[in-house]
Amino acid sequence: RTILIMGHMRSGSSLLLHLLSSSPALITMGERNARYAGYGDLALGHLRTRWASGARLRRVTAVVDQINHNAMTPDPGLLRAARVQLVFIVREPTASIASLLELSRQFYRDAWTAQRALDYYCERLRWLEALTRSLPVASDAAFVTYETLVAAPGPLLRLLAQRMKIAGEFSSEYPIFDFTGRRGDPGRLIASGRV
């Protein structure tokens, strides 16, 4: 399986990806920033993630990636495939946009304007909403808010493990990887190893 965390920038998608990686059943190489346009891209994602994570032959349940940009998933039909499980994560707008502006100021060559951040946030949420409306009623997609993830990680992670059919539980403490701070969230908090 491929588990795709469908969020927006500053939604907590990197944190959620790290928390899911606390299970040995799942492997990841961080936010790949790769397009998933067809089944070949899913297979390539599996191969690259197995290679990068050192799990070339180890039996795993799923590969995890995070997607925060519409262009990375041009075919919504692929996201409804049986081999793909979606986990949506969103964060309230005021904190998301403030965090995005701070991120761009610290890490980007050209800091974003408030209008650009707002436009990105609204466009991404419209795309995520359209995707959720296109899912079958019996979809096994999960829906998470950043606010719940940080306020009550234990109960939420238990529910996610059940929803994803992962043996055992996820932990609110997670390993630090080579990609931590380099793929996805570049801030210092992600390197703390816990919520």
Protein backbone atom coordinates (compact mmCIF):
# COMPACT_ATOMS: atom_id res chain seq x y z
CA ARG A 1 0.00 0.00 0.00
CA THR A 2 0.87 3.63 -0.34
CA ILE A 3 -0.33 5.95 2.42
CA LEU A 4 -0.48 9.54 1.25
CA ILE A 5 -0.78 12.31 3.80
CA MET A 6 -2.80 14.94 1.97
CA GLY A 7 -2.26 18.30 3.63
CA HIS A 8 -1.11 21.81 2.96
CA MET A 9 2.10 23.56 3.87
CA ARG A 10 2.29 24.13 7.66
CA SER A 11 -0.59 21.70 8.29
CA GLY A 12 1.48 19.34 10.42
CA SER A 13 1.96 16.86 7.58
CA SER A 14 5.67 16.40 8.37
CA LEU A 15 4.89 15.80 12.03
CA LEU A 16 2.20 13.27 11.11
CA LEU A 17 4.58 11.52 8.70
CA HIS A 18 7.18 11.22 11.47
CA LEU A 19 4.59 9.91 13.95
CA LEU A 20 3.44 7.26 11.48
CA SER A 21 7.09 6.27 11.00
CA SER A 22 7.17 5.23 14.67
CA SER A 23 5.65 1.95 13.46
CA PRO A 24 8.11 -0.55 11.93
CA ALA A 25 5.30 -1.59 9.58
CA LEU A 26 5.61 1.68 7.67
CA ILE A 27 8.57 3.18 5.83
CA THR A 28 9.19 6.64 4.45
CA MET A 29 11.88 8.87 3.05
CA GLY A 30 10.14 12.10 4.04
CA GLU A 31 8.32 14.39 1.67
CA ARG A 32 9.49 13.14 -1.73
CA ASN A 33 8.12 16.07 -3.74
CA ALA A 34 7.40 13.56 -6.49
CA ARG A 35 4.44 13.53 -8.86
CA TYR A 36 2.01 10.63 -8.67
CA ALA A 37 0.51 10.64 -12.15
CA GLY A 38 0.04 6.88 -12.56
CA TYR A 39 0.62 3.44 -11.09
CA GLY A 40 4.23 3.46 -12.27
CA ASP A 41 4.87 6.44 -9.99
CA LEU A 42 3.49 4.50 -7.03
CA ALA A 43 5.81 1.58 -7.81
CA LEU A 44 8.79 3.90 -8.28
CA GLY A 45 7.97 5.55 -4.95
CA HIS A 46 8.03 2.15 -3.27
CA LEU A 47 11.38 1.22 -4.79
CA ARG A 48 13.03 4.54 -3.96
CA THR A 49 11.66 4.55 -0.41
CA ARG A 50 12.78 0.97 0.22
CA TRP A 51 16.26 1.82 -1.05
CA ALA A 52 16.55 5.09 0.90
CA SER A 53 15.19 3.64 4.15
CA GLY A 54 17.34 0.50 4.06
CA ALA A 55 14.25 -1.72 3.89
CA ARG A 56 15.05 -3.29 0.53
CA LEU A 57 13.82 -6.78 1.42
CA ARG A 58 12.07 -6.23 4.75
CA ARG A 59 8.36 -6.93 4.80
CA VAL A 60 6.42 -3.72 5.35
CA THR A 61 2.74 -2.82 5.31
CA ALA A 62 3.00 0.47 3.45
CA VAL A 63 5.15 3.30 2.18
CA VAL A 64 4.21 6.78 3.48
CA ASP A 65 4.59 10.09 1.65
CA GLN A 66 3.14 13.54 2.17
CA ILE A 67 1.58 15.71 -0.53
CA ASN A 68 1.08 19.43 0.02
CA HIS A 69 0.76 20.68 -3.57
CA ASN A 70 -1.93 20.09 -6.18
CA ALA A 71 0.57 19.49 -9.00
CA MET A 72 1.93 16.38 -7.27
CA THR A 73 -1.31 14.45 -7.82
CA PRO A 74 -2.65 15.44 -11.24
CA ASP A 75 -4.95 12.39 -11.53
CA PRO A 76 -7.46 12.25 -8.65
CA GLY A 77 -8.56 8.84 -9.97
CA LEU A 78 -5.23 7.36 -8.91
CA LEU A 79 -5.90 8.51 -5.35
CA ARG A 80 -9.05 6.38 -5.28
CA ALA A 81 -7.12 3.20 -6.15
CA ALA A 82 -7.40 0.25 -3.78
CA ARG A 83 -3.63 0.34 -3.09
CA VAL A 84 -3.74 3.97 -1.94
CA GLN A 85 -4.93 5.10 1.48
CA LEU A 86 -5.38 8.80 2.15
CA VAL A 87 -4.93 10.65 5.42
CA PHE A 88 -6.11 14.25 5.22
CA ILE A 89 -4.67 16.83 7.61
CA VAL A 90 -5.67 20.48 7.82
CA ARG A 91 -4.87 23.34 10.16
CA GLU A 92 -6.93 26.42 10.91
CA PRO A 93 -6.15 29.33 8.57
CA THR A 94 -4.74 32.01 10.88
CA ALA A 95 -1.99 29.82 12.34
CA SER A 96 -1.30 28.14 8.98
CA ILE A 97 -0.80 31.39 7.14
CA ALA A 98 1.26 32.96 9.94
CA SER A 99 3.48 29.87 10.02
CA LEU A 100 3.80 29.86 6.23
CA LEU A 101 4.87 33.51 6.22
CA GLU A 102 7.46 32.82 8.93
CA LEU A 103 8.73 29.75 7.05
CA SER A 104 9.14 31.71 3.83
CA ARG A 105 10.89 34.54 5.67
CA GLN A 106 13.40 32.18 7.29
CA PHE A 107 14.02 29.62 4.57
CA TYR A 108 13.04 31.02 1.15
CA ARG A 109 15.03 33.37 -1.02
CA ASP A 110 11.90 35.46 -1.61
CA ALA A 111 9.54 35.72 1.36
CA TRP A 112 5.88 35.19 0.54
CA THR A 113 3.36 37.99 0.85
CA ALA A 114 0.27 37.49 2.98
CA GLN A 115 -1.81 37.43 -0.23
CA ARG A 116 0.32 34.69 -1.75
CA ALA A 117 0.05 32.58 1.42
CA LEU A 118 -3.71 33.10 1.57
CA ASP A 119 -4.11 32.23 -2.12
CA TYR A 120 -2.08 29.04 -1.68
CA TYR A 121 -4.04 28.00 1.42
CA CYS A 122 -7.45 28.60 -0.17
CA GLU A 123 -6.53 26.90 -3.46
CA ARG A 124 -5.14 23.86 -1.66
CA LEU A 125 -8.16 23.49 0.61
CA ARG A 126 -10.51 23.78 -2.38
CA TRP A 127 -8.56 20.97 -4.09
CA LEU A 128 -8.63 18.79 -0.94
CA GLU A 129 -12.36 19.38 -0.54
CA ALA A 130 -13.02 18.38 -4.15
CA LEU A 131 -10.95 15.24 -3.63
CA THR A 132 -12.87 14.25 -0.49
CA ARG A 133 -16.16 14.73 -2.32
CA SER A 134 -14.97 12.39 -5.09
CA LEU A 135 -14.12 9.54 -2.70
CA PRO A 136 -16.49 6.58 -2.46
CA VAL A 137 -18.78 6.52 0.56
CA ALA A 138 -16.99 3.41 1.85
CA SER A 139 -13.56 5.03 1.59
CA ASP A 140 -11.04 4.19 4.30
CA ALA A 141 -9.62 7.73 4.22
CA ALA A 142 -8.85 9.34 7.56
CA PHE A 143 -9.31 12.98 8.51
CA VAL A 144 -7.10 14.75 11.06
CA THR A 145 -6.71 18.30 12.26
CA TYR A 146 -3.38 19.70 13.38
CA GLU A 147 -5.02 21.02 16.51
CA THR A 148 -6.20 17.53 17.56
CA LEU A 149 -2.86 15.99 16.64
CA VAL A 150 -0.91 18.23 19.00
CA ALA A 151 -3.56 18.40 21.76
CA ALA A 152 -4.37 14.67 21.99
CA PRO A 153 -1.84 12.66 19.98
CA GLY A 154 -2.31 9.37 21.86
CA PRO A 155 -6.02 8.79 21.21
CA LEU A 156 -5.75 10.11 17.65
CA LEU A 157 -2.80 7.85 16.81
CA ARG A 158 -4.67 4.83 18.22
CA LEU A 159 -7.62 5.62 15.97
CA LEU A 160 -5.33 6.04 12.96
CA ALA A 161 -3.66 2.66 13.62
CA GLN A 162 -7.09 1.02 13.66
CA ARG A 163 -8.24 2.87 10.55
CA MET A 164 -5.05 1.98 8.67
CA LYS A 165 -5.12 -1.62 9.92
CA ILE A 166 -1.61 -1.32 11.37
CA ALA A 167 -0.68 -3.88 14.01
CA GLY A 168 0.33 -2.24 17.27
CA GLU A 169 0.17 1.48 17.94
CA PHE A 170 1.91 4.60 16.79
CA SER A 171 3.91 6.52 19.36
CA SER A 172 3.91 10.24 20.10
CA GLU A 173 7.71 9.94 20.03
CA TYR A 174 9.35 9.26 16.70
CA PRO A 175 12.78 8.52 15.24
CA ILE A 176 14.94 11.23 13.70
CA PHE A 177 15.91 10.35 10.15
CA ASP A 178 18.53 11.64 7.71
CA PHE A 179 15.70 13.48 5.96
CA THR A 180 14.34 15.12 9.14
CA GLY A 181 14.55 18.88 8.72
CA ARG A 182 15.56 18.52 5.06
CA ARG A 183 12.48 16.98 3.42
CA GLY A 184 9.29 18.59 4.61
CA ASP A 185 9.39 20.85 7.65
CA PRO A 186 12.83 22.54 7.90
CA GLY A 187 12.17 24.00 11.37
CA ARG A 188 13.96 22.95 14.55
CA LEU A 189 10.90 21.53 16.34
CA ILE A 190 10.58 18.57 13.97
CA ALA A 191 14.01 17.40 15.23
CA SER A 192 12.71 17.08 18.81
CA GLY A 193 11.48 13.53 18.18
CA ARG A 194 8.11 14.09 19.86
CA VAL A 195 4.87 16.04 19.63
